[in-house]
Amino acid sequence: MIRLLRLLPKNAASKDEGASYFALFKPLQDIQSRIILFCGVVLALAAGAPLPIIGVIFARIIDHFPPSEDEVVDRISQLLVVGEFPDLP
């Protein structure tokens, strides 16, 4: 179907011919480019961590609904810590 739409050439590269996602990074010959790529991957992973943690905190609030006043203060402080310092577990 893709060939019918002519989005790919007739001799599209297959896996056997060396077409790989990692082949995109072969031109990164210097160490600075590789360090930037590595830091980008690590920081992207760290940026995705707060959302599941926030979900766990909200689930604890929902599980014990209605929460007491002390529990509300604890959960709000946890949410603020996650929002301020997303890299901390």
C-alpha atoms as a PDB file:
ATOM      1  CA  MET A   1       0.000   0.000   0.000  1.00  0.00           C
ATOM      2  CA  ILE A   2       2.846   2.385   0.801  1.00  0.00           C
ATOM      3  CA  ARG A   3       4.446   1.642  -2.562  1.00  0.00           C
ATOM      4  CA  LEU A   4       1.143   2.463  -4.227  1.00  0.00           C
ATOM      5  CA  LEU A   5       1.161   5.855  -2.587  1.00  0.00           C
ATOM      6  CA  ARG A   6       4.770   6.255  -3.733  1.00  0.00           C
ATOM      7  CA  LEU A   7       5.965   7.293  -0.296  1.00  0.00           C
ATOM      8  CA  LEU A   8       8.874   4.885  -0.532  1.00  0.00           C
ATOM      9  CA  PRO A   9      11.081   4.219  -3.529  1.00  0.00           C
ATOM     10  CA  LYS A  10      10.784   0.844  -5.240  1.00  0.00           C
ATOM     11  CA  ASN A  11      14.144  -0.288  -3.863  1.00  0.00           C
ATOM     12  CA  ALA A  12      13.521   0.720  -0.277  1.00  0.00           C
ATOM     13  CA  ALA A  13      16.301  -0.300   2.089  1.00  0.00           C
ATOM     14  CA  SER A  14      15.549  -3.418   4.049  1.00  0.00           C
ATOM     15  CA  LYS A  15      17.006  -4.678   7.276  1.00  0.00           C
ATOM     16  CA  ASP A  16      19.402  -6.904   5.363  1.00  0.00           C
ATOM     17  CA  GLU A  17      20.935  -3.934   3.565  1.00  0.00           C
ATOM     18  CA  GLY A  18      21.971  -2.246   6.808  1.00  0.00           C
ATOM     19  CA  ALA A  19      19.029   0.116   7.208  1.00  0.00           C
ATOM     20  CA  SER A  20      18.948   0.650  10.927  1.00  0.00           C
ATOM     21  CA  TYR A  21      17.905   3.341  13.339  1.00  0.00           C
ATOM     22  CA  PHE A  22      21.402   3.300  14.799  1.00  0.00           C
ATOM     23  CA  ALA A  23      22.850   3.941  11.343  1.00  0.00           C
ATOM     24  CA  LEU A  24      21.589   7.501  11.724  1.00  0.00           C
ATOM     25  CA  PHE A  25      24.188   8.072  14.424  1.00  0.00           C
ATOM     26  CA  LYS A  26      27.220   6.755  12.539  1.00  0.00           C
ATOM     27  CA  PRO A  27      28.121  10.262  11.286  1.00  0.00           C
ATOM     28  CA  LEU A  28      28.726  11.297  14.903  1.00  0.00           C
ATOM     29  CA  GLN A  29      32.472  10.882  14.777  1.00  0.00           C
ATOM     30  CA  ASP A  30      33.610  13.447  17.341  1.00  0.00           C
ATOM     31  CA  ILE A  31      33.312  12.810  21.061  1.00  0.00           C
ATOM     32  CA  GLN A  32      31.416  16.051  21.723  1.00  0.00           C
ATOM     33  CA  SER A  33      28.506  15.004  19.481  1.00  0.00           C
ATOM     34  CA  ARG A  34      28.333  11.597  21.120  1.00  0.00           C
ATOM     35  CA  ILE A  35      28.327  13.140  24.620  1.00  0.00           C
ATOM     36  CA  ILE A  36      25.540  15.518  23.604  1.00  0.00           C
ATOM     37  CA  LEU A  37      23.522  12.599  22.227  1.00  0.00           C
ATOM     38  CA  PHE A  38      24.067  10.556  25.395  1.00  0.00           C
ATOM     39  CA  CYS A  39      23.096  13.476  27.659  1.00  0.00           C
ATOM     40  CA  GLY A  40      20.000  14.095  25.540  1.00  0.00           C
ATOM     41  CA  VAL A  41      18.856  10.488  25.946  1.00  0.00           C
ATOM     42  CA  VAL A  42      19.478  10.480  29.707  1.00  0.00           C
ATOM     43  CA  LEU A  43      17.719  13.822  30.223  1.00  0.00           C
ATOM     44  CA  ALA A  44      14.753  12.705  28.097  1.00  0.00           C
ATOM     45  CA  LEU A  45      14.377   9.634  30.300  1.00  0.00           C
ATOM     46  CA  ALA A  46      14.582  11.787  33.435  1.00  0.00           C
ATOM     47  CA  ALA A  47      11.964  14.191  32.057  1.00  0.00           C
ATOM     48  CA  GLY A  48       9.444  11.369  31.780  1.00  0.00           C
ATOM     49  CA  ALA A  49       9.807  10.197  35.390  1.00  0.00           C
ATOM     50  CA  PRO A  50       7.645  12.773  37.260  1.00  0.00           C
ATOM     51  CA  LEU A  51       4.339  11.919  35.570  1.00  0.00           C
ATOM     52  CA  PRO A  52       4.064   8.341  36.905  1.00  0.00           C
ATOM     53  CA  ILE A  53       5.187   9.535  40.348  1.00  0.00           C
ATOM     54  CA  ILE A  54       2.460  12.194  40.348  1.00  0.00           C
ATOM     55  CA  GLY A  55      -0.024   9.499  39.329  1.00  0.00           C
ATOM     56  CA  VAL A  56       0.971   7.393  42.344  1.00  0.00           C
ATOM     57  CA  ILE A  57       0.517  10.350  44.698  1.00  0.00           C
ATOM     58  CA  PHE A  58      -2.949  11.111  43.291  1.00  0.00           C
ATOM     59  CA  ALA A  59      -3.859   7.419  43.557  1.00  0.00           C
ATOM     60  CA  ARG A  60      -2.985   7.514  47.267  1.00  0.00           C
ATOM     61  CA  ILE A  61      -5.272  10.528  47.693  1.00  0.00           C
ATOM     62  CA  ILE A  62      -8.103   8.762  45.868  1.00  0.00           C
ATOM     63  CA  ASP A  63      -7.632   5.503  47.798  1.00  0.00           C
ATOM     64  CA  HIS A  64      -8.111   7.257  51.137  1.00  0.00           C
ATOM     65  CA  PHE A  65     -10.810   9.721  50.126  1.00  0.00           C
ATOM     66  CA  PRO A  66     -11.710  11.968  51.879  1.00  0.00           C
ATOM     67  CA  PRO A  67      -8.229  12.487  53.273  1.00  0.00           C
ATOM     68  CA  SER A  68      -7.559  14.063  56.622  1.00  0.00           C
ATOM     69  CA  GLU A  69      -6.086  17.537  56.801  1.00  0.00           C
ATOM     70  CA  ASP A  70      -2.640  16.216  57.738  1.00  0.00           C
ATOM     71  CA  GLU A  71      -2.707  13.759  54.852  1.00  0.00           C
ATOM     72  CA  VAL A  72      -3.647  16.543  52.422  1.00  0.00           C
ATOM     73  CA  VAL A  73      -0.679  18.606  53.614  1.00  0.00           C
ATOM     74  CA  ASP A  74       1.627  15.582  53.201  1.00  0.00           C
ATOM     75  CA  ARG A  75       0.386  14.828  49.678  1.00  0.00           C
ATOM     76  CA  ILE A  76       0.613  18.462  48.574  1.00  0.00           C
ATOM     77  CA  SER A  77       4.181  18.664  49.870  1.00  0.00           C
ATOM     78  CA  GLN A  78       5.004  15.456  47.962  1.00  0.00           C
ATOM     79  CA  LEU A  79       3.537  16.947  44.773  1.00  0.00           C
ATOM     80  CA  LEU A  80       5.563  20.124  45.266  1.00  0.00           C
ATOM     81  CA  VAL A  81       8.768  18.132  45.739  1.00  0.00           C
ATOM     82  CA  VAL A  82       8.092  16.125  42.572  1.00  0.00           C
ATOM     83  CA  GLY A  83       7.296  19.315  40.668  1.00  0.00           C
ATOM     84  CA  GLU A  84      10.352  21.164  41.939  1.00  0.00           C
ATOM     85  CA  PHE A  85      12.871  18.333  41.810  1.00  0.00           C
ATOM     86  CA  PRO A  86      11.635  15.867  39.157  1.00  0.00           C
ATOM     87  CA  ASP A  87      14.858  13.848  39.153  1.00  0.00           C
ATOM     88  CA  LEU A  88      14.526  12.761  42.783  1.00  0.00           C
ATOM     89  CA  PRO A  89      12.682   9.473  43.361  1.00  0.00           C
END
